[in-house]
Amino acid sequence: MSLKGFHIVFIVFSTLLALGTGFWCIWVDLTVGEPVYRSGAIASFAVAVALVIYGVWFYRKMKRLRIIT
């Protein structure tokens, strides 16, 4: 696997981890009632959205440079 391919896989796994952390924070907020976890969930979902945007940007850039076919 090339470094660029690994980069895309790493972005996907990082996005899934951010989503999982966000859902976990929501679950803890609902069961325990600590409002600080709500801000953690919002931050995790924001990071997940940013990672998706970055992943699409990176893939398009590699496709434009004809590095990824």
Protein backbone atom coordinates (compact mmCIF):
# COMPACT_ATOMS: atom_id res chain seq x y z
CA MET A 1 0.00 0.00 0.00
CA SER A 2 1.32 3.39 -0.93
CA LEU A 3 1.66 6.26 1.48
CA LYS A 4 -1.24 8.05 -0.20
CA GLY A 5 -3.46 4.98 0.15
CA PHE A 6 -2.51 4.67 3.80
CA HIS A 7 -3.33 8.35 4.27
CA ILE A 8 -6.87 7.82 2.95
CA VAL A 9 -7.38 4.74 5.14
CA PHE A 10 -6.08 6.66 8.16
CA ILE A 11 -8.53 9.50 7.48
CA VAL A 12 -11.42 7.02 7.27
CA PHE A 13 -10.48 5.33 10.56
CA SER A 14 -9.97 8.71 12.25
CA THR A 15 -13.42 9.80 11.11
CA LEU A 16 -14.98 6.61 12.47
CA LEU A 17 -13.16 7.11 15.77
CA ALA A 18 -14.42 10.69 16.04
CA LEU A 19 -17.99 9.55 15.33
CA GLY A 20 -17.70 6.77 17.89
CA THR A 21 -16.39 9.18 20.49
CA GLY A 22 -19.25 11.56 19.75
CA PHE A 23 -21.88 8.85 20.19
CA TRP A 24 -20.19 7.67 23.37
CA CYS A 25 -20.24 11.23 24.76
CA ILE A 26 -23.96 11.49 23.97
CA TRP A 27 -24.60 8.16 25.69
CA VAL A 28 -22.69 9.23 28.81
CA ASP A 29 -24.53 12.57 28.85
CA LEU A 30 -27.90 10.80 28.70
CA THR A 31 -27.08 8.20 31.36
CA VAL A 32 -25.00 10.21 33.82
CA GLY A 33 -26.24 13.69 33.07
CA GLU A 34 -22.90 15.48 32.91
CA PRO A 35 -23.30 18.41 30.48
CA VAL A 36 -19.57 18.57 29.76
CA TYR A 37 -19.97 15.44 27.62
CA ARG A 38 -22.40 17.29 25.38
CA SER A 39 -19.65 19.72 24.42
CA GLY A 40 -17.34 16.76 23.84
CA ALA A 41 -19.92 15.25 21.50
CA ILE A 42 -20.26 18.50 19.58
CA ALA A 43 -16.48 18.78 19.25
CA SER A 44 -16.18 15.14 18.12
CA PHE A 45 -18.84 15.57 15.46
CA ALA A 46 -17.20 18.79 14.28
CA VAL A 47 -13.88 16.97 13.95
CA ALA A 48 -15.60 14.17 12.03
CA VAL A 49 -17.09 16.66 9.57
CA ALA A 50 -13.72 18.37 9.17
CA LEU A 51 -12.05 15.02 8.51
CA VAL A 52 -14.61 14.15 5.83
CA ILE A 53 -14.05 17.52 4.15
CA TYR A 54 -10.28 17.05 4.33
CA GLY A 55 -10.54 13.49 2.99
CA VAL A 56 -12.57 14.60 -0.03
CA TRP A 57 -10.17 17.49 -0.65
CA PHE A 58 -7.14 15.19 -0.44
CA TYR A 59 -8.69 12.58 -2.76
CA ARG A 60 -9.62 15.21 -5.35
CA LYS A 61 -6.13 16.72 -5.18
CA MET A 62 -4.49 13.33 -5.73
CA LYS A 63 -6.89 12.60 -8.59
CA ARG A 64 -6.16 16.01 -10.17
CA LEU A 65 -2.42 15.33 -9.95
CA ARG A 66 -3.08 11.87 -11.43
CA ILE A 67 -1.45 10.14 -8.52
CA ILE A 68 -4.57 8.11 -7.74
CA THR A 69 -6.46 6.63 -10.68
